[in-house]
Amino acid sequence: MNNRLYLHLMANREKGFALALALLIGVIIMGTGITMMMRVQGDQSKVIAQKSRADSLRSSEAGVARVRDLLNSIRVMATVPSNCTSGDCWQRAEIPTGNPSTNFQRDLKKLAIATACGNTNRNNEIAYKILAPTGQRAVNPGLRDLASGEWFDLGNNRYYRVVGYNFTPISDPNILGWGVLTLEGLSRKSAATDLTNIDINRDSGDNAASRNRVVVTIPIKPSLPLAFTRTTVPALWIREGAPEDEGQTGQITVSNPNYSGGAKFQGDVVMSDTTEATGFVEETGTLRPNLECHINQNNIEQPTPAPNTPYKAQFVGVPEERLDFPNLPEPPNGITNLGDLTSPLLPAKETFPRQGDTPTTRTINGQSVQVYEYIVNNINLSGNDKITITPGQRVVFYVKGNIDGEIEHNCGKVTGCKPGNLQIYADNGLGAAAPQICLRVGQKQRLEAFIFAPAYSLGKTGNGDFVGAAWGKNWGKISTCAPNSGEVAVIQGVEWTDLIENLKPNPLNTLPQLGKIANWFEEPIPSPSPSPSPSPSP
């Protein structure tokens, strides 16, 4: 009996131990499971938070890109702050309907006019990039809208807002100043309902919301119109009127500003002072201020053959006080004075350089070269008389009077010969009341040259080609020097580096451009988040 009792007791004790062990293992497994669940939840929360932060940062980046795009469209806005109580800034910007009261307003009006030239569908393009219409504001706000500091929708529950923009000018010839843009990005799980609410706690009810703030520094640099940034000089640069014939200019009236146009140009055309609000003088055919809107744009073509880097030729109007002609090069001492070259020439074809002429040594494009330079009073040729330039030689004429006649410079296939090998600089040293240069280029003839005559009326007649550039007071106003119908007056072809002096204008402070972002960092959002603060009035 005792043995049975012992075995029974031992069996019951083993059962109790197994039950306790099973319970212990269950507790351990449950604890491990809870720990793993908590870890997974923590990892999931971390992933959600990281994704939200990444989304808000992408929102900031997208917002910066949109603001830069707007500033690139209206670059003058990069030189004023976003907010102010008086003066010029995004918050107060508008295109004036009357006469502009500041240079800033004039630039805005000029840009709006130039953008809409010849395309009525773009009449309000610049105005809407400043202040968007009601139906467009939420998706494509203008800079004035952004100055409000409100949130704007990027889609997918992502938003951005401009906290502020400031421009600080500096004394540096290569940079106008620094533009500092402060912008916030926001990412939410659900759509935002109040885009005017910028409080730091505005998204406390959205556990996936993330918000950040970035500060971006952008260098604002001076620039030039594209016509001056190419390797070749503009085909035509004039400081008065339009590049049209005298006959076409006479078609203009106050009620009908359009006219057929005359000369064609294969290259860039620049006008220096025709965009000022100086009124319209019908008696003299003075062109109206918004001249480039009434020019026959079909007359501005790309050079043929196309250059190695093709481009669309431009018609540029820039006020003269902003982009004036450079100074004429001075003739060196001791060069030959030819006096007058007039018909009849003996022989009929005068070739330069002449045998026995002595060249001067100049440094052009970093190289020491020989240049034959001459002073000329007048060139007046008729009949079969003409002046010929030997291909491959460099010749410069400093002209004191008028030019009317045939000059031939045809590089053909001569190695090293370029259109810029012939340069003509005219200063009206003889004091003519209305100095003129009429280039007569006959059929199958070719003139390759650079002509710079700031006080002269310029023109070209004949069926031959004029390849190079002509800079002067006006074009096509010489009644006896009208181009043949449908003919190209000038084909762009002289390189800046071939000129005896650097005549390229310096970048203009009045034509700002945005450089690459110089600095980008995140900064904490203060509590409470402030509204845009106006900059001090100038």
Protein backbone atom coordinates (compact mmCIF):
# COMPACT_ATOMS: atom_id res chain seq x y z
CA MET A 1 0.00 0.00 0.00
CA ASN A 2 2.74 2.42 0.89
CA ASN A 3 4.42 1.90 -2.46
CA ARG A 4 1.18 2.60 -4.32
CA LEU A 5 0.57 5.76 -2.36
CA TYR A 6 4.08 6.93 -3.09
CA LEU A 7 3.72 6.33 -6.81
CA HIS A 8 0.37 8.13 -6.86
CA LEU A 9 1.79 11.14 -5.11
CA MET A 10 4.79 11.27 -7.41
CA ALA A 11 2.58 11.14 -10.50
CA ASN A 12 0.42 14.05 -9.25
CA ARG A 13 3.53 16.10 -8.50
CA GLU A 14 4.84 15.67 -12.07
CA LYS A 15 1.48 16.86 -13.43
CA GLY A 16 1.65 20.03 -11.31
CA PHE A 17 5.19 20.77 -12.45
CA ALA A 18 4.27 20.34 -16.12
CA LEU A 19 1.30 22.68 -15.73
CA ALA A 20 3.44 25.35 -14.08
CA LEU A 21 6.08 24.96 -16.77
CA ALA A 22 3.47 25.30 -19.52
CA LEU A 23 2.08 28.42 -17.90
CA LEU A 24 5.55 29.91 -17.62
CA ILE A 25 6.31 29.20 -21.26
CA GLY A 26 3.01 30.78 -22.26
CA VAL A 27 3.80 33.91 -20.30
CA ILE A 28 7.23 34.11 -21.94
CA ILE A 29 5.78 33.68 -25.43
CA MET A 30 3.10 36.28 -24.75
CA GLY A 31 5.67 38.75 -23.47
CA THR A 32 7.85 38.18 -26.47
CA GLY A 33 4.88 38.69 -28.78
CA ILE A 34 3.85 41.90 -27.04
CA THR A 35 7.43 43.17 -27.25
CA MET A 36 7.60 42.35 -30.94
CA MET A 37 4.24 44.01 -31.55
CA MET A 38 5.38 47.13 -29.73
CA ARG A 39 8.63 47.14 -31.69
CA VAL A 40 6.77 46.74 -34.97
CA GLN A 41 4.42 49.55 -34.01
CA GLY A 42 7.40 51.70 -33.07
CA ASP A 43 9.16 50.92 -36.34
CA GLN A 44 5.96 51.62 -38.23
CA SER A 45 5.55 54.96 -36.45
CA LYS A 46 9.16 55.76 -37.20
CA VAL A 47 8.67 54.92 -40.89
CA ILE A 48 5.52 57.05 -41.01
CA ALA A 49 7.34 59.94 -39.34
CA GLN A 50 10.29 59.62 -41.72
CA LYS A 51 7.97 59.51 -44.72
CA SER A 52 6.04 62.54 -43.46
CA ARG A 53 9.26 64.47 -42.93
CA ALA A 54 10.52 63.50 -46.38
CA ASP A 55 7.19 64.59 -47.89
CA SER A 56 7.32 67.95 -46.14
CA LEU A 57 10.91 68.45 -47.32
CA ARG A 58 9.84 67.61 -50.88
CA SER A 59 7.07 70.16 -50.45
CA SER A 60 9.66 72.77 -49.51
CA GLU A 61 11.81 71.85 -52.50
CA ALA A 62 8.81 72.05 -54.84
CA GLY A 63 7.86 75.41 -53.34
CA VAL A 64 11.37 76.79 -53.84
CA ALA A 65 11.32 75.60 -57.45
CA ARG A 66 7.99 77.35 -58.07
CA VAL A 67 9.17 80.63 -56.56
CA ARG A 68 12.41 80.52 -58.59
CA ASP A 69 10.38 79.87 -61.73
CA LEU A 70 8.25 82.95 -61.07
CA LEU A 71 11.28 85.09 -60.29
CA ASN A 72 12.95 83.93 -63.50
CA SER A 73 9.86 85.09 -65.38
CA ILE A 74 9.87 88.51 -63.68
CA ARG A 75 13.50 88.95 -62.69
CA VAL A 76 13.19 92.53 -61.52
CA MET A 77 11.08 91.14 -58.65
CA ALA A 78 14.22 89.42 -57.35
CA THR A 79 15.63 92.83 -56.42
CA VAL A 80 12.79 93.83 -54.05
CA PRO A 81 11.51 92.22 -50.83
CA SER A 82 8.32 90.21 -50.55
CA ASN A 83 6.64 92.54 -48.07
CA CYS A 84 6.67 96.27 -47.32
CA THR A 85 4.39 99.05 -46.13
CA SER A 86 5.52 101.45 -48.88
CA GLY A 87 7.79 101.45 -51.89
CA ASP A 88 8.39 98.50 -54.20
CA CYS A 89 7.88 94.87 -53.16
CA TRP A 90 5.93 91.76 -54.17
CA GLN A 91 3.07 92.69 -51.86
CA ARG A 92 2.46 96.00 -53.68
CA ALA A 93 3.55 95.08 -57.21
CA GLU A 94 1.26 95.78 -60.16
CA ILE A 95 1.52 96.76 -63.80
CA PRO A 96 0.57 100.45 -63.99
CA THR A 97 -2.13 101.42 -66.47
CA GLY A 98 -0.72 104.94 -66.83
CA ASN A 99 2.83 106.27 -66.76
CA PRO A 100 5.08 104.32 -64.35
CA SER A 101 6.20 106.31 -61.30
CA THR A 102 9.33 104.23 -60.57
CA ASN A 103 11.89 102.28 -62.58
CA PHE A 104 10.51 99.11 -60.98
CA GLN A 105 7.03 99.83 -62.33
CA ARG A 106 8.46 100.76 -65.71
CA ASP A 107 10.30 97.45 -65.89
CA LEU A 108 7.11 95.55 -65.06
CA LYS A 109 5.12 97.42 -67.70
CA LYS A 110 7.86 97.00 -70.30
CA LEU A 111 8.06 93.26 -69.61
CA ALA A 112 4.29 92.88 -69.86
CA ILE A 113 4.25 94.70 -73.22
CA ALA A 114 7.20 92.77 -74.63
CA THR A 115 5.74 89.42 -73.55
CA ALA A 116 2.44 90.08 -75.31
CA CYS A 117 3.99 91.44 -78.51
CA GLY A 118 2.23 89.88 -81.46
CA ASN A 119 0.30 87.40 -79.31
CA THR A 120 -2.90 88.61 -77.69
CA ASN A 121 -3.21 85.30 -75.81
CA ARG A 122 -0.31 86.48 -73.62
CA ASN A 123 -1.72 89.92 -72.82
CA ASN A 124 -2.15 89.13 -69.12
CA GLU A 125 0.67 86.63 -68.66
CA ILE A 126 2.93 88.86 -66.57
CA ALA A 127 0.03 90.42 -64.67
CA TYR A 128 -1.16 86.94 -63.64
CA LYS A 129 2.34 85.94 -62.50
CA ILE A 130 2.21 88.94 -60.20
CA LEU A 131 -1.38 88.55 -58.99
CA ALA A 132 -3.25 85.47 -60.14
CA PRO A 133 -6.98 85.63 -61.00
CA THR A 134 -9.34 84.10 -58.45
CA GLY A 135 -9.83 80.83 -60.33
CA GLN A 136 -6.10 80.32 -60.78
CA ARG A 137 -4.78 81.53 -57.44
CA ALA A 138 -5.05 78.27 -55.47
CA VAL A 139 -3.00 76.24 -57.97
CA ASN A 140 -0.81 78.85 -59.68
CA PRO A 141 -0.40 81.82 -57.35
CA GLY A 142 1.54 84.91 -58.37
CA LEU A 143 4.36 86.50 -56.38
CA ARG A 144 1.96 88.98 -54.83
CA ASP A 145 -0.24 86.07 -53.70
CA LEU A 146 2.76 84.31 -52.18
CA ALA A 147 3.63 87.45 -50.23
CA SER A 148 0.45 86.86 -48.17
CA GLY A 149 2.21 84.03 -46.32
CA GLU A 150 -0.71 81.64 -46.89
CA TRP A 151 -0.40 77.96 -47.74
CA PHE A 152 -0.70 76.88 -51.37
CA ASP A 153 -1.62 73.42 -52.59
CA LEU A 154 0.92 71.18 -54.33
CA GLY A 155 -1.46 68.21 -54.57
CA ASN A 156 -1.48 64.92 -52.60
CA ASN A 157 -2.01 66.80 -49.31
CA ARG A 158 1.27 68.66 -49.68
CA TYR A 159 1.53 72.43 -49.29
CA TYR A 160 4.06 75.29 -49.23
CA ARG A 161 4.13 78.90 -48.16
CA VAL A 162 6.57 81.79 -48.45
CA VAL A 163 7.57 83.08 -45.03
CA GLY A 164 9.49 85.96 -46.60
CA TYR A 165 11.99 87.08 -49.21
CA ASN A 166 14.60 89.79 -48.77
CA PHE A 167 17.17 91.26 -51.11
CA THR A 168 20.40 92.72 -49.79
CA PRO A 169 22.45 94.72 -52.33
CA ILE A 170 26.24 94.57 -52.12
CA SER A 171 29.13 96.46 -53.71
CA ASP A 172 30.50 93.92 -56.16
CA PRO A 173 30.75 94.29 -59.96
CA ASN A 174 29.86 90.62 -60.42
CA ILE A 175 26.79 90.44 -58.23
CA LEU A 176 23.95 92.82 -57.42
CA GLY A 177 23.20 91.27 -54.05
CA TRP A 178 21.80 88.26 -52.22
CA GLY A 179 18.20 87.11 -52.32
CA VAL A 180 17.20 85.13 -49.22
CA LEU A 181 14.00 83.09 -49.48
CA THR A 182 12.47 81.55 -46.36
CA LEU A 183 9.83 78.94 -47.16
CA GLU A 184 7.89 76.22 -45.35
CA GLY A 185 6.70 72.84 -46.61
CA LEU A 186 3.84 70.81 -45.14
CA SER A 187 2.72 67.20 -45.59
CA ARG A 188 -0.55 65.84 -44.14
CA LYS A 189 -2.47 62.56 -44.07
CA SER A 190 -5.71 64.40 -44.73
CA ALA A 191 -6.43 67.50 -46.76
CA ALA A 192 -5.96 70.87 -45.06
CA THR A 193 -9.12 72.89 -44.64
CA ASP A 194 -7.83 76.34 -43.70
CA LEU A 195 -4.88 77.44 -45.81
CA THR A 196 -4.71 80.82 -44.07
CA ASN A 197 -3.89 79.19 -40.72
CA ILE A 198 -0.13 79.29 -40.21
CA ASP A 199 -0.09 78.59 -36.45
CA ILE A 200 2.56 76.13 -35.26
CA ASN A 201 -0.14 73.83 -33.78
CA ARG A 202 -2.45 73.90 -36.78
CA ASP A 203 -1.85 70.20 -37.62
CA SER A 204 -2.00 68.69 -34.11
CA GLY A 205 -5.04 66.61 -35.09
CA ASP A 206 -3.19 64.85 -37.92
CA ASN A 207 -0.74 62.27 -36.54
CA ALA A 208 1.03 61.98 -39.91
CA ALA A 209 1.52 65.73 -40.42
CA SER A 210 5.05 67.07 -40.84
CA ARG A 211 6.24 70.61 -41.43
CA ASN A 212 9.66 72.10 -42.00
CA ARG A 213 11.27 75.40 -42.90
CA VAL A 214 14.15 76.03 -45.29
CA VAL A 215 16.23 79.14 -45.92
CA VAL A 216 17.65 79.48 -49.43
CA THR A 217 20.26 82.04 -50.51
CA ILE A 218 20.38 82.98 -54.19
CA PRO A 219 22.94 85.30 -55.82
CA ILE A 220 21.27 87.96 -57.99
CA LYS A 221 23.63 88.90 -60.81
CA PRO A 222 23.71 91.54 -63.56
CA SER A 223 23.17 90.26 -67.09
CA LEU A 224 22.85 91.20 -70.75
CA PRO A 225 20.16 90.50 -73.34
CA LEU A 226 20.76 87.17 -75.07
CA ALA A 227 21.76 89.05 -78.22
CA PHE A 228 24.98 90.07 -76.41
CA THR A 229 25.79 86.65 -74.96
CA ARG A 230 26.51 84.86 -78.22
CA THR A 231 29.95 84.44 -79.78
CA THR A 232 28.93 86.79 -82.61
CA VAL A 233 28.03 90.47 -82.28
CA PRO A 234 24.42 91.57 -83.05
CA ALA A 235 23.77 91.98 -86.77
CA LEU A 236 22.20 95.40 -86.17
CA TRP A 237 22.34 97.80 -83.23
CA ILE A 238 20.66 101.17 -83.65
CA ARG A 239 19.79 103.94 -81.21
CA GLU A 240 16.93 105.62 -83.06
CA GLY A 241 13.80 104.38 -84.83
CA ALA A 242 13.13 100.96 -86.30
CA PRO A 243 15.07 98.89 -88.85
CA GLU A 244 12.59 99.80 -91.57
CA ASP A 245 12.73 101.72 -94.83
CA GLU A 246 11.81 105.37 -94.92
CA GLY A 247 8.77 104.44 -97.02
CA GLN A 248 7.47 101.90 -94.51
CA THR A 249 8.00 104.26 -91.59
CA GLY A 250 5.70 106.73 -93.29
CA GLN A 251 2.84 104.23 -93.08
CA ILE A 252 2.59 104.63 -89.32
CA THR A 253 -0.21 106.73 -87.85
CA VAL A 254 -1.60 107.02 -84.34
CA SER A 255 -4.68 105.04 -85.34
CA ASN A 256 -2.74 102.44 -87.33
CA PRO A 257 0.63 101.54 -85.81
CA ASN A 258 1.18 98.56 -88.07
CA TYR A 259 3.22 98.72 -91.26
CA SER A 260 4.66 96.32 -93.78
CA GLY A 261 8.30 96.64 -92.76
CA GLY A 262 11.33 96.78 -95.00
CA ALA A 263 14.74 95.22 -94.42
CA LYS A 264 15.28 91.63 -93.38
CA PHE A 265 18.03 90.63 -90.96
CA GLN A 266 19.49 87.20 -90.36
CA GLY A 267 20.61 87.74 -86.80
CA ASP A 268 19.92 89.74 -83.67
CA VAL A 269 18.53 93.27 -83.88
CA VAL A 270 19.01 95.62 -80.91
CA MET A 271 17.37 99.03 -80.44
CA SER A 272 18.65 101.24 -77.64
CA ASP A 273 16.16 104.03 -77.04
CA THR A 274 12.91 103.26 -78.82
CA THR A 275 11.03 101.93 -75.80
CA GLU A 276 10.94 105.13 -73.76
CA ALA A 277 7.57 106.82 -73.23
CA THR A 278 8.55 109.81 -75.35
CA GLY A 279 5.28 110.07 -77.25
CA PHE A 280 4.59 109.90 -80.98
CA VAL A 281 5.52 112.63 -83.46
CA GLU A 282 3.44 111.89 -86.53
CA GLU A 283 4.96 114.64 -88.67
CA THR A 284 8.46 113.15 -88.48
CA GLY A 285 7.41 109.52 -88.43
CA THR A 286 8.93 109.00 -85.01
CA LEU A 287 7.96 105.54 -83.88
CA ARG A 288 5.74 104.90 -80.92
CA PRO A 289 7.22 103.80 -77.57
CA ASN A 290 6.10 100.16 -77.77
CA LEU A 291 7.93 99.88 -81.05
CA GLU A 292 8.89 96.22 -80.92
CA CYS A 293 5.21 95.27 -80.83
CA HIS A 294 4.72 96.79 -84.27
CA ILE A 295 7.82 95.49 -86.01
CA ASN A 296 7.41 92.82 -88.66
CA GLN A 297 8.92 89.97 -86.65
CA ASN A 298 9.09 87.80 -89.76
CA ASN A 299 11.93 90.03 -90.94
CA ILE A 300 14.18 88.82 -88.10
CA GLU A 301 15.59 85.45 -89.18
CA GLN A 302 18.27 82.99 -88.14
CA PRO A 303 21.61 83.32 -89.95
CA THR A 304 22.13 81.12 -93.00
CA PRO A 305 23.97 78.80 -92.81
CA ALA A 306 23.07 78.20 -89.17
CA PRO A 307 25.91 78.69 -86.66
CA ASN A 308 27.45 75.74 -84.81
CA THR A 309 25.19 76.56 -81.86
CA PRO A 310 21.83 77.38 -83.47
CA TYR A 311 19.73 80.07 -81.85
CA LYS A 312 16.56 82.03 -82.43
CA ALA A 313 17.42 85.56 -83.49
CA GLN A 314 16.09 88.23 -81.14
CA PHE A 315 14.54 91.62 -81.51
CA VAL A 316 15.67 93.51 -78.38
CA GLY A 317 14.56 96.91 -77.14
CA VAL A 318 16.63 98.35 -74.27
CA PRO A 319 16.47 101.98 -73.05
CA GLU A 320 19.57 103.92 -74.08
CA GLU A 321 20.43 105.09 -70.58
CA ARG A 322 20.78 101.41 -69.69
CA LEU A 323 22.57 100.10 -72.77
CA ASP A 324 24.44 102.76 -74.70
CA PHE A 325 27.08 102.30 -77.37
CA PRO A 326 30.66 101.75 -76.21
CA ASN A 327 33.30 104.33 -77.11
CA LEU A 328 34.76 104.24 -80.60
CA PRO A 329 38.32 102.92 -80.81
CA GLU A 330 40.88 105.68 -81.34
CA PRO A 331 43.21 105.50 -84.37
CA PRO A 332 46.82 104.93 -83.38
CA ASN A 333 49.39 107.64 -84.02
CA GLY A 334 51.31 107.64 -87.26
CA ILE A 335 48.97 105.65 -89.47
CA THR A 336 48.37 106.56 -93.13
CA ASN A 337 45.81 109.27 -93.93
CA LEU A 338 44.22 108.46 -97.29
CA GLY A 339 42.18 111.66 -97.52
CA ASP A 340 39.19 111.22 -99.86
CA LEU A 341 38.62 108.03 -101.85
CA THR A 342 36.33 109.26 -104.61
CA SER A 343 35.60 108.40 -108.21
CA PRO A 344 37.23 108.18 -110.58
CA LEU A 345 39.71 105.84 -108.94
CA LEU A 346 42.90 105.04 -110.79
CA PRO A 347 42.89 102.12 -111.10
CA ALA A 348 39.13 101.57 -110.76
CA LYS A 349 39.69 98.87 -108.14
CA GLU A 350 41.71 100.10 -105.19
CA THR A 351 43.03 97.13 -103.19
CA PHE A 352 44.02 97.26 -99.52
CA PRO A 353 46.48 96.76 -98.05
CA ARG A 354 48.55 98.41 -100.75
CA GLN A 355 52.05 97.34 -101.57
CA GLY A 356 54.48 99.10 -99.27
CA ASP A 357 51.91 99.93 -96.53
CA THR A 358 53.16 99.35 -92.99
CA PRO A 359 50.98 97.42 -90.55
CA THR A 360 50.63 98.04 -86.84
CA THR A 361 50.97 95.26 -84.31
CA ARG A 362 47.91 94.58 -82.17
CA THR A 363 46.93 91.91 -79.69
CA ILE A 364 43.60 90.41 -80.72
CA ASN A 365 42.11 87.46 -78.86
CA GLY A 366 45.39 86.97 -77.03
CA GLN A 367 47.47 86.80 -80.21
CA SER A 368 49.88 89.32 -81.73
CA VAL A 369 48.67 90.14 -85.26
CA GLN A 370 49.46 92.60 -88.04
CA VAL A 371 46.70 95.11 -88.86
CA TYR A 372 46.71 97.66 -91.70
CA GLU A 373 45.02 100.82 -90.39
CA TYR A 374 44.05 103.93 -92.35
CA ILE A 375 42.33 107.27 -91.76
CA VAL A 376 39.82 108.21 -94.49
CA ASN A 377 37.86 111.43 -94.96
CA ASN A 378 35.15 110.30 -97.39
CA ILE A 379 34.50 107.28 -99.58
CA ASN A 380 32.33 108.22 -102.57
CA LEU A 381 32.43 105.72 -105.43
CA SER A 382 30.31 105.30 -108.53
CA GLY A 383 30.28 103.30 -111.74
CA ASN A 384 32.73 100.41 -111.68
CA ASP A 385 34.90 101.92 -108.98
CA LYS A 386 35.23 99.92 -105.77
CA ILE A 387 37.52 99.19 -102.86
CA THR A 388 38.69 95.61 -102.43
CA ILE A 389 40.19 94.03 -99.31
CA THR A 390 42.68 91.21 -99.83
CA PRO A 391 41.25 88.06 -98.18
CA GLY A 392 43.23 87.02 -95.11
CA GLN A 393 44.57 90.52 -94.35
CA ARG A 394 43.31 92.61 -91.46
CA VAL A 395 42.25 96.15 -92.44
CA VAL A 396 40.74 98.94 -90.34
CA PHE A 397 39.34 102.22 -91.73
CA TYR A 398 38.78 105.22 -89.43
CA VAL A 399 36.28 107.34 -91.38
CA LYS A 400 35.68 111.04 -90.69
CA GLY A 401 33.00 111.69 -93.32
CA ASN A 402 30.47 109.76 -95.41
CA ILE A 403 30.61 106.44 -97.23
CA ASP A 404 28.68 105.83 -100.44
CA GLY A 405 29.95 103.13 -102.70
CA GLU A 406 31.04 99.54 -103.19
CA ILE A 407 33.46 97.85 -100.81
CA GLU A 408 34.27 94.19 -101.41
CA HIS A 409 35.69 91.82 -98.82
CA ASN A 410 35.03 88.19 -99.66
CA CYS A 411 36.91 85.60 -97.62
CA GLY A 412 35.77 82.76 -99.85
CA LYS A 413 37.78 79.68 -98.90
CA VAL A 414 40.88 81.54 -97.76
CA THR A 415 42.18 79.88 -94.59
CA GLY A 416 42.07 82.14 -91.53
CA CYS A 417 40.01 84.85 -93.21
CA LYS A 418 36.99 86.06 -91.24
CA PRO A 419 34.31 88.75 -91.72
CA GLY A 420 35.86 90.64 -88.80
CA ASN A 421 39.10 91.10 -90.72
CA LEU A 422 37.59 94.32 -92.11
CA GLN A 423 36.47 96.87 -89.53
CA ILE A 424 35.15 100.38 -90.21
CA TYR A 425 34.85 102.97 -87.43
CA ALA A 426 33.24 106.31 -88.30
CA ASP A 427 33.25 109.28 -85.90
CA ASN A 428 31.91 112.11 -88.14
CA GLY A 429 35.09 114.02 -87.49
CA LEU A 430 34.28 116.35 -90.41
CA GLY A 431 31.12 117.49 -88.66
CA ALA A 432 28.44 116.62 -91.24
CA ALA A 433 24.90 117.57 -90.21
CA ALA A 434 23.51 114.17 -91.20
CA PRO A 435 26.37 111.70 -91.78
CA GLN A 436 25.54 108.61 -93.81
CA ILE A 437 26.96 105.23 -94.75
CA CYS A 438 25.38 103.60 -97.81
CA LEU A 439 26.80 100.18 -98.64
CA ARG A 440 26.35 99.24 -102.28
CA VAL A 441 26.75 95.48 -102.70
CA GLY A 442 26.06 94.40 -106.26
CA GLN A 443 24.77 91.09 -107.50
CA LYS A 444 27.16 88.19 -106.82
CA GLN A 445 29.25 90.57 -104.69
CA ARG A 446 29.96 90.09 -101.00
CA LEU A 447 30.94 92.44 -98.19
CA GLU A 448 32.15 90.91 -94.94
CA ALA A 449 32.78 93.57 -92.30
CA PHE A 450 32.06 95.10 -88.93
CA ILE A 451 30.80 98.71 -89.13
CA PHE A 452 30.45 100.93 -86.07
CA ALA A 453 29.23 104.50 -86.64
CA PRO A 454 27.20 105.79 -83.67
CA ALA A 455 26.12 109.10 -85.26
CA TYR A 456 25.39 107.78 -88.76
CA SER A 457 22.34 106.74 -90.73
CA LEU A 458 23.09 103.32 -92.19
CA GLY A 459 21.76 101.49 -95.21
CA LYS A 460 22.53 98.80 -97.76
CA THR A 461 21.34 98.45 -101.33
CA GLY A 462 21.92 95.83 -104.02
CA ASN A 463 21.40 92.08 -104.30
CA GLY A 464 24.77 91.06 -102.86
CA ASP A 465 25.41 89.73 -99.34
CA PHE A 466 26.55 91.82 -96.40
CA VAL A 467 27.88 89.44 -93.74
CA GLY A 468 28.92 90.91 -90.41
CA ALA A 469 27.34 93.67 -88.34
CA ALA A 470 26.28 97.30 -88.56
CA TRP A 471 25.93 99.54 -85.51
CA GLY A 472 24.74 103.12 -85.92
CA LYS A 473 22.14 105.81 -85.28
CA ASN A 474 19.42 104.33 -87.48
CA TRP A 475 18.86 101.99 -90.40
CA GLY A 476 17.00 102.36 -93.70
CA LYS A 477 16.30 106.09 -93.50
CA ILE A 478 18.50 107.01 -96.52
CA SER A 479 16.05 107.42 -99.40
CA THR A 480 18.73 106.70 -102.02
CA CYS A 481 19.94 103.55 -100.26
CA ALA A 482 16.85 101.35 -99.92
CA PRO A 483 17.29 97.56 -99.91
CA ASN A 484 15.92 95.52 -102.78
CA SER A 485 12.52 94.03 -102.01
CA GLY A 486 12.76 90.78 -100.05
CA GLU A 487 16.55 90.92 -99.74
CA VAL A 488 18.41 90.32 -96.48
CA ALA A 489 20.21 93.48 -95.35
CA VAL A 490 22.68 91.97 -92.86
CA ILE A 491 23.72 88.40 -92.06
CA GLN A 492 25.24 88.12 -88.59
CA GLY A 493 28.81 86.85 -88.74
CA VAL A 494 31.45 88.88 -86.85
CA GLU A 495 32.87 87.36 -83.68
CA TRP A 496 33.53 89.46 -80.57
CA THR A 497 37.04 88.05 -80.34
CA ASP A 498 37.97 89.43 -83.79
CA LEU A 499 37.41 93.08 -82.85
CA ILE A 500 40.47 95.28 -82.30
CA GLU A 501 39.02 96.30 -78.92
CA ASN A 502 36.55 94.71 -76.54
CA LEU A 503 33.26 96.42 -77.39
CA LYS A 504 30.94 94.05 -75.57
CA PRO A 505 28.85 95.95 -72.98
CA ASN A 506 29.28 95.08 -69.33
CA PRO A 507 26.43 93.16 -67.68
CA LEU A 508 23.62 95.51 -66.72
CA ASN A 509 22.48 96.02 -63.15
CA THR A 510 19.05 96.77 -64.58
CA LEU A 511 18.75 93.27 -66.06
CA PRO A 512 19.03 90.97 -63.04
CA GLN A 513 19.30 87.20 -63.31
CA LEU A 514 19.17 84.45 -60.71
CA GLY A 515 22.34 82.49 -60.11
CA LYS A 516 22.60 78.96 -58.76
CA ILE A 517 21.51 78.43 -55.16
CA ALA A 518 24.48 79.31 -52.97
CA ASN A 519 23.19 78.03 -49.62
CA TRP A 520 20.29 75.90 -48.36
CA PHE A 521 19.58 74.91 -44.76
CA GLU A 522 16.71 74.00 -42.48
CA GLU A 523 15.83 76.10 -39.47
CA PRO A 524 13.40 75.58 -36.57
CA ILE A 525 9.91 76.99 -36.90
CA PRO A 526 9.36 79.52 -34.10
CA SER A 527 6.30 79.30 -31.92
CA PRO A 528 3.96 80.92 -32.72
CA SER A 529 4.83 80.94 -36.43
CA PRO A 530 4.97 84.59 -37.49
CA SER A 531 3.29 86.14 -40.48
CA PRO A 532 5.45 87.74 -43.20
CA SER A 533 6.93 90.91 -41.82
CA PRO A 534 7.31 93.94 -44.08
CA SER A 535 10.78 95.13 -44.89
CA PRO A 536 11.77 98.62 -43.82
CA SER A 537 10.71 101.26 -46.30
CA PRO A 538 13.57 102.61 -48.39
